[in-house]
Amino acid sequence: MYEDRQIASHKVFTDRIHRAEAKVVCQLYHAGRRISRAVTGQEPVGPSAMKFAGRPWEVSREGGSALVNAFLEYLL
């Protein structure tokens, strides 16, 4: 999930799973250089300059720290 508008459809799905007395989780995942700008609105970055479908640029040490902090802020 990458937008709040996705919550409603996922709630329907999870409610059905819970009615069957099962559990479900949402796994956090960073797609790195495989993500599309159409999804994030930003240029993709990766841990190195190795290309995947013509992208990305290499993320700097500071940029990597900012990504980690953004994930932590989201979790907390």
C-alpha atoms as a PDB file:
ATOM      1  CA  MET A   1       0.000   0.000   0.000  1.00  0.00           C
ATOM      2  CA  TYR A   2       1.347   3.373  -0.913  1.00  0.00           C
ATOM      3  CA  GLU A   3      -1.699   5.634  -0.640  1.00  0.00           C
ATOM      4  CA  ASP A   4      -4.391   6.054   1.998  1.00  0.00           C
ATOM      5  CA  ARG A   5      -7.067   5.546  -0.654  1.00  0.00           C
ATOM      6  CA  GLN A   6      -6.070   1.869  -0.776  1.00  0.00           C
ATOM      7  CA  ILE A   7      -7.091   1.257   2.837  1.00  0.00           C
ATOM      8  CA  ALA A   8     -10.813   0.729   2.178  1.00  0.00           C
ATOM      9  CA  SER A   9     -10.343  -2.063  -0.364  1.00  0.00           C
ATOM     10  CA  HIS A  10      -7.755  -3.762   1.846  1.00  0.00           C
ATOM     11  CA  LYS A  11     -10.129  -3.548   4.816  1.00  0.00           C
ATOM     12  CA  VAL A  12     -12.755  -5.538   2.894  1.00  0.00           C
ATOM     13  CA  PHE A  13     -10.110  -8.181   2.187  1.00  0.00           C
ATOM     14  CA  THR A  14      -8.814  -8.331   5.778  1.00  0.00           C
ATOM     15  CA  ASP A  15     -12.347  -8.425   7.220  1.00  0.00           C
ATOM     16  CA  ARG A  16     -13.042 -11.552   5.145  1.00  0.00           C
ATOM     17  CA  ILE A  17      -9.836 -13.143   6.364  1.00  0.00           C
ATOM     18  CA  HIS A  18     -10.683 -12.314   9.987  1.00  0.00           C
ATOM     19  CA  ARG A  19     -14.175 -13.797   9.611  1.00  0.00           C
ATOM     20  CA  ALA A  20     -12.404 -17.064   8.763  1.00  0.00           C
ATOM     21  CA  GLU A  21     -10.463 -16.635  12.042  1.00  0.00           C
ATOM     22  CA  ALA A  22      -7.182 -16.171  10.182  1.00  0.00           C
ATOM     23  CA  LYS A  23      -4.516 -13.494  10.501  1.00  0.00           C
ATOM     24  CA  VAL A  24      -3.053 -11.195   7.863  1.00  0.00           C
ATOM     25  CA  VAL A  25      -0.181  -8.711   7.833  1.00  0.00           C
ATOM     26  CA  CYS A  26       1.014  -5.960   5.546  1.00  0.00           C
ATOM     27  CA  GLN A  27       4.704  -6.338   4.768  1.00  0.00           C
ATOM     28  CA  LEU A  28       6.714  -3.153   4.358  1.00  0.00           C
ATOM     29  CA  TYR A  29       8.840  -3.276   1.258  1.00  0.00           C
ATOM     30  CA  HIS A  30      11.096  -0.791  -0.438  1.00  0.00           C
ATOM     31  CA  ALA A  31      11.198  -1.483  -4.175  1.00  0.00           C
ATOM     32  CA  GLY A  32      14.327   0.620  -4.621  1.00  0.00           C
ATOM     33  CA  ARG A  33      15.406   0.980  -8.206  1.00  0.00           C
ATOM     34  CA  ARG A  34      12.588  -1.280  -9.455  1.00  0.00           C
ATOM     35  CA  ILE A  35       9.842   1.218  -8.577  1.00  0.00           C
ATOM     36  CA  SER A  36       8.280   3.529 -11.128  1.00  0.00           C
ATOM     37  CA  ARG A  37       8.115   7.305 -10.865  1.00  0.00           C
ATOM     38  CA  ALA A  38       4.424   6.891 -11.756  1.00  0.00           C
ATOM     39  CA  VAL A  39       3.913   5.238  -8.353  1.00  0.00           C
ATOM     40  CA  THR A  40       5.992   7.525  -6.130  1.00  0.00           C
ATOM     41  CA  GLY A  41       6.101  10.800  -8.017  1.00  0.00           C
ATOM     42  CA  GLN A  42       9.872  10.809  -7.440  1.00  0.00           C
ATOM     43  CA  GLU A  43      12.883   9.443  -9.271  1.00  0.00           C
ATOM     44  CA  PRO A  44      13.800   5.973  -7.962  1.00  0.00           C
ATOM     45  CA  VAL A  45      17.076   5.515  -6.094  1.00  0.00           C
ATOM     46  CA  GLY A  46      19.090   2.430  -5.250  1.00  0.00           C
ATOM     47  CA  PRO A  47      22.030   1.452  -3.072  1.00  0.00           C
ATOM     48  CA  SER A  48      24.403   1.605  -6.047  1.00  0.00           C
ATOM     49  CA  ALA A  49      24.590   3.022  -9.542  1.00  0.00           C
ATOM     50  CA  MET A  50      23.820  -0.434 -11.024  1.00  0.00           C
ATOM     51  CA  LYS A  51      21.057   0.056 -13.590  1.00  0.00           C
ATOM     52  CA  PHE A  52      17.659  -1.608 -13.654  1.00  0.00           C
ATOM     53  CA  ALA A  53      15.647  -0.697 -16.742  1.00  0.00           C
ATOM     54  CA  GLY A  54      17.722   2.460 -17.227  1.00  0.00           C
ATOM     55  CA  ARG A  55      17.470   3.776 -13.705  1.00  0.00           C
ATOM     56  CA  PRO A  56      18.332   4.913 -10.953  1.00  0.00           C
ATOM     57  CA  TRP A  57      21.012   7.201  -9.725  1.00  0.00           C
ATOM     58  CA  GLU A  58      23.016   6.060  -6.720  1.00  0.00           C
ATOM     59  CA  VAL A  59      21.668   7.245  -3.389  1.00  0.00           C
ATOM     60  CA  SER A  60      24.142   9.135  -1.219  1.00  0.00           C
ATOM     61  CA  ARG A  61      24.970   8.148   2.359  1.00  0.00           C
ATOM     62  CA  GLU A  62      22.855  11.080   3.576  1.00  0.00           C
ATOM     63  CA  GLY A  63      20.013  10.131   1.248  1.00  0.00           C
ATOM     64  CA  GLY A  64      20.132   6.535   2.497  1.00  0.00           C
ATOM     65  CA  SER A  65      19.917   7.751   6.078  1.00  0.00           C
ATOM     66  CA  ALA A  66      16.918   9.892   5.151  1.00  0.00           C
ATOM     67  CA  LEU A  67      15.180   6.843   3.598  1.00  0.00           C
ATOM     68  CA  VAL A  68      15.798   4.750   6.714  1.00  0.00           C
ATOM     69  CA  ASN A  69      14.500   7.551   8.941  1.00  0.00           C
ATOM     70  CA  ALA A  70      11.386   7.916   6.771  1.00  0.00           C
ATOM     71  CA  PHE A  71      10.636   4.191   7.185  1.00  0.00           C
ATOM     72  CA  LEU A  72      11.150   4.420  10.954  1.00  0.00           C
ATOM     73  CA  GLU A  73       8.937   7.488  11.229  1.00  0.00           C
ATOM     74  CA  TYR A  74       6.184   5.675   9.324  1.00  0.00           C
ATOM     75  CA  LEU A  75       6.425   2.660  11.639  1.00  0.00           C
ATOM     76  CA  LEU A  76       6.295   4.722  14.801  1.00  0.00           C
END
